[in-house]
N, C-alpha and C. Protein backbone atom coordinates (compact mmCIF):
# COMPACT_ATOMS: atom_id res chain seq x y z
N UNK A 1 134.02 -6.69 -14.26
CA UNK A 1 133.08 -5.61 -14.26
C UNK A 1 133.05 -5.29 -12.63
N UNK A 2 133.09 -4.08 -12.68
CA UNK A 2 133.01 -3.44 -11.13
C UNK A 2 131.56 -2.63 -11.13
N UNK A 3 130.99 -3.05 -9.93
CA UNK A 3 129.66 -2.20 -9.73
C UNK A 3 129.87 -1.44 -8.89
N UNK A 4 129.39 0.04 -8.86
CA UNK A 4 129.47 1.00 -8.07
C UNK A 4 128.12 1.09 -7.20
N UNK A 5 127.85 1.39 -5.84
CA UNK A 5 127.08 1.48 -5.04
C UNK A 5 126.26 2.59 -5.64
N UNK A 6 124.75 2.63 -5.58
CA UNK A 6 123.94 3.72 -5.74
C UNK A 6 124.26 4.92 -4.99
N UNK A 7 124.11 6.01 -5.39
CA UNK A 7 124.27 7.01 -4.29
C UNK A 7 123.02 7.37 -3.65
N UNK A 8 122.93 7.72 -2.42
CA UNK A 8 121.73 7.81 -1.41
C UNK A 8 121.61 9.18 -1.59
N UNK A 9 120.74 10.11 -2.21
CA UNK A 9 120.76 11.44 -1.94
C UNK A 9 120.29 12.08 -0.71
N UNK A 10 120.07 10.89 0.33
CA UNK A 10 119.35 11.51 1.74
C UNK A 10 120.81 11.74 2.53
N UNK A 11 121.93 10.95 2.20
CA UNK A 11 123.15 11.22 2.79
C UNK A 11 123.68 12.43 2.76
N UNK A 12 123.94 13.18 1.86
CA UNK A 12 124.52 14.39 1.75
C UNK A 12 123.43 15.75 1.22
N UNK A 13 124.13 16.69 2.01
CA UNK A 13 122.89 18.09 1.64
C UNK A 13 123.82 19.09 0.91
N UNK A 14 123.64 19.62 0.33
CA UNK A 14 124.32 20.82 -0.35
C UNK A 14 124.68 22.22 1.02
N UNK A 15 125.61 22.63 0.62
CA UNK A 15 125.96 23.69 1.43
C UNK A 15 124.72 24.80 1.41
N UNK A 16 124.09 24.79 0.36
CA UNK A 16 123.09 25.80 0.36
C UNK A 16 121.97 25.17 0.98
N UNK A 17 121.66 24.08 0.96
CA UNK A 17 120.56 23.47 1.85
C UNK A 17 120.76 23.65 3.29
N UNK A 18 122.19 23.44 3.51
CA UNK A 18 122.16 23.55 5.29
C UNK A 18 122.26 24.91 5.71
N UNK A 19 122.77 25.81 4.86
CA UNK A 19 122.68 27.15 5.34
C UNK A 19 121.35 27.97 5.21
N UNK A 20 120.28 27.10 4.98
CA UNK A 20 119.03 27.99 4.50
C UNK A 20 118.57 28.53 5.97
N UNK A 21 118.09 29.58 6.04
CA UNK A 21 117.61 29.85 7.23
C UNK A 21 116.11 29.17 7.90
N UNK A 22 115.79 29.10 9.00
CA UNK A 22 114.31 28.61 9.28
C UNK A 22 113.53 29.67 9.02
N UNK A 23 112.32 28.78 8.72
CA UNK A 23 111.29 29.77 8.36
C UNK A 23 110.59 30.05 9.68
N UNK A 24 110.33 31.40 9.73
CA UNK A 24 109.83 32.45 11.14
C UNK A 24 108.54 31.50 11.75
N UNK A 25 108.86 30.89 12.60
CA UNK A 25 107.36 30.28 13.15
C UNK A 25 106.58 31.52 13.70
N UNK A 26 105.38 31.19 13.65
CA UNK A 26 104.30 32.38 13.92
C UNK A 26 103.93 32.27 15.37
N UNK A 27 103.81 33.15 15.86
CA UNK A 27 103.77 33.35 17.15
C UNK A 27 102.15 32.97 17.68
N UNK A 28 101.90 31.87 18.65
CA UNK A 28 100.45 31.38 18.58
C UNK A 28 100.32 31.90 20.07
N UNK A 29 99.08 32.11 20.20
CA UNK A 29 98.48 32.93 21.43
C UNK A 29 98.49 31.61 22.70
N UNK A 30 99.07 31.58 23.69
CA UNK A 30 98.98 30.54 24.60
C UNK A 30 97.36 30.01 24.81
N UNK A 31 97.38 28.74 25.22
CA UNK A 31 95.88 28.34 25.05
C UNK A 31 94.93 29.19 26.06
N UNK A 32 95.58 29.48 27.19
CA UNK A 32 95.00 29.69 28.32
C UNK A 32 94.49 31.41 28.19
N UNK A 33 95.06 31.89 27.17
CA UNK A 33 94.64 33.21 26.88
C UNK A 33 93.51 33.26 25.57
N UNK A 34 93.06 32.37 25.04
CA UNK A 34 92.25 32.31 23.88
C UNK A 34 91.14 32.28 24.62
N UNK A 35 90.08 33.04 23.90
CA UNK A 35 88.71 32.91 24.39
C UNK A 35 87.99 31.73 24.30
N UNK A 36 87.08 31.38 25.12
CA UNK A 36 86.58 30.18 25.63
C UNK A 36 85.30 30.39 24.66
N UNK A 37 84.97 29.17 23.97
CA UNK A 37 83.50 29.46 23.28
C UNK A 37 82.42 28.90 24.42
N UNK A 38 81.15 29.27 24.32
CA UNK A 38 80.22 28.78 25.28
C UNK A 38 80.20 27.20 25.16
N UNK A 39 80.21 26.53 24.22
CA UNK A 39 80.08 25.06 23.93
C UNK A 39 81.13 24.55 24.81
N UNK A 40 82.35 25.29 24.79
CA UNK A 40 83.61 24.74 25.62
C UNK A 40 83.16 24.60 27.00
N UNK A 41 82.90 26.17 27.37
CA UNK A 41 82.63 26.39 28.69
C UNK A 41 81.50 25.22 29.20
N UNK A 42 80.54 25.05 28.62
CA UNK A 42 79.30 24.11 28.82
C UNK A 42 80.13 22.67 29.10
N UNK A 43 80.70 22.19 28.43
CA UNK A 43 81.24 21.05 28.75
C UNK A 43 82.19 20.60 29.58
N UNK A 44 82.92 21.93 29.82
CA UNK A 44 83.83 21.75 31.21
C UNK A 44 82.96 21.58 32.56
N UNK A 45 81.84 22.48 32.23
CA UNK A 45 81.04 22.46 33.70
C UNK A 45 80.44 21.28 33.75
N UNK A 46 79.97 20.59 32.80
CA UNK A 46 79.21 19.25 32.86
C UNK A 46 80.15 18.17 33.43
N UNK A 47 81.52 18.02 32.77
CA UNK A 47 82.45 17.33 33.19
C UNK A 47 82.80 17.47 34.90
N UNK A 48 82.76 18.81 35.10
CA UNK A 48 83.23 18.99 36.47
C UNK A 48 82.15 18.59 37.35
N UNK A 49 80.92 18.88 37.24
CA UNK A 49 79.74 18.26 37.58
C UNK A 49 79.56 16.74 37.71
N UNK A 50 79.86 16.14 36.62
CA UNK A 50 79.70 14.67 36.75
C UNK A 50 80.93 14.12 37.51
N UNK A 51 82.03 14.59 37.48
CA UNK A 51 83.08 14.19 38.55
C UNK A 51 82.48 14.48 40.18
N UNK A 52 81.91 15.39 40.23
CA UNK A 52 81.43 15.91 41.69
C UNK A 52 80.29 14.64 42.15
N UNK A 53 79.62 14.35 41.10
CA UNK A 53 78.57 13.34 41.06
C UNK A 53 79.33 12.01 41.81
N UNK A 54 80.33 11.66 40.82
CA UNK A 54 81.15 10.45 40.87
C UNK A 54 81.73 10.17 42.45
N UNK A 55 82.14 11.57 42.87
CA UNK A 55 82.68 11.61 44.05
C UNK A 55 82.02 11.21 44.90
N UNK A 56 80.81 11.82 44.86
CA UNK A 56 79.65 11.55 45.89
C UNK A 56 79.27 10.27 45.99
N UNK A 57 79.39 9.74 44.85
CA UNK A 57 79.00 7.94 44.66
C UNK A 57 80.14 7.08 45.45
N UNK A 58 81.25 7.95 45.78
CA UNK A 58 82.23 7.08 46.46
C UNK A 58 83.11 6.56 45.41
N UNK A 59 83.41 7.27 44.34
CA UNK A 59 84.40 6.77 43.34
C UNK A 59 84.09 5.77 42.80
N UNK A 60 82.90 5.02 42.93
CA UNK A 60 82.65 3.76 42.34
C UNK A 60 82.28 3.62 40.88
N UNK A 61 82.85 2.63 40.32
CA UNK A 61 82.81 2.38 38.82
C UNK A 61 81.71 1.87 38.36
N UNK A 62 81.49 2.19 37.18
CA UNK A 62 80.22 1.84 36.33
C UNK A 62 79.11 2.63 36.25
N UNK A 63 79.31 4.07 36.74
CA UNK A 63 78.17 5.04 36.50
C UNK A 63 78.60 6.11 36.19
N UNK A 64 79.54 6.03 35.13
CA UNK A 64 80.02 7.30 34.36
C UNK A 64 78.96 7.82 33.35
N UNK A 65 78.03 7.04 33.00
CA UNK A 65 77.01 7.75 31.82
C UNK A 65 75.94 8.40 32.83
N UNK A 66 75.60 7.69 33.59
CA UNK A 66 74.53 8.29 34.83
C UNK A 66 74.74 9.46 35.09
N UNK A 67 76.08 9.49 35.80
CA UNK A 67 76.91 10.80 36.31
C UNK A 67 76.97 11.89 35.22
N UNK A 68 76.89 11.49 34.13
CA UNK A 68 77.28 12.49 33.22
C UNK A 68 75.79 13.12 32.45
N UNK A 69 75.00 12.06 32.28
CA UNK A 69 73.38 12.61 32.24
C UNK A 69 72.94 13.25 33.31
N UNK A 70 73.32 13.03 34.37
CA UNK A 70 72.63 13.69 35.65
C UNK A 70 72.97 15.29 35.70
N UNK A 71 74.56 15.21 35.39
CA UNK A 71 75.21 16.47 35.36
C UNK A 71 74.58 17.46 34.22
N UNK A 72 74.60 16.74 32.89
CA UNK A 72 73.71 17.62 31.82
C UNK A 72 72.39 18.04 32.47
N UNK A 73 71.59 17.16 32.72
CA UNK A 73 70.02 17.53 33.43
C UNK A 73 70.33 18.73 34.19
N UNK A 74 71.34 18.62 35.40
CA UNK A 74 71.32 20.02 36.17
C UNK A 74 72.04 21.38 35.43
N UNK A 75 72.96 21.21 34.77
CA UNK A 75 73.41 22.10 34.09
C UNK A 75 72.70 22.71 33.24
N UNK A 76 72.19 22.13 32.06
CA UNK A 76 71.36 22.85 31.17
C UNK A 76 69.90 22.77 31.64
N UNK A 77 69.53 22.33 32.67
CA UNK A 77 68.08 22.64 33.39
C UNK A 77 68.44 24.27 34.16
N UNK A 78 69.70 24.63 34.62
CA UNK A 78 70.06 25.72 35.03
C UNK A 78 70.07 26.99 33.81
N UNK A 79 70.68 26.44 32.79
CA UNK A 79 70.78 27.23 31.54
C UNK A 79 69.46 27.67 30.93
N UNK A 80 68.50 26.79 30.85
CA UNK A 80 67.21 27.04 30.27
C UNK A 80 66.30 27.61 31.37
N UNK A 81 66.15 27.79 32.50
CA UNK A 81 65.45 28.14 33.35
C UNK A 81 66.07 29.86 33.66
N UNK A 82 67.29 30.05 33.20
CA UNK A 82 67.69 31.35 33.70
C UNK A 82 66.81 32.43 32.82
C-alpha cells in the first residue's frame, strides 16, 4: 500500500486568485488634519501642564499623580472661571 501525502490548500493558489486586483484603499485624512475634540484638547493641555510641574519639581519620580491632579485643578479652574 502506498500512501500519498495530503495536499495543503495553502501552498498553491490558482491563477485567478493571484491576478485578483487589490481592493482600493480608502484615503484616510492625516491625523494632524482631523479636528480635535474639546476633550482631546483638554487632555493634552492637562498633560502638558503636568509635565511642566514635573519639570519644576526637578524631574523627581513619585509625584505623577500629584502633578496630574494639580494640572487638572489649574486647567479646569481656568475653564470654569472663564
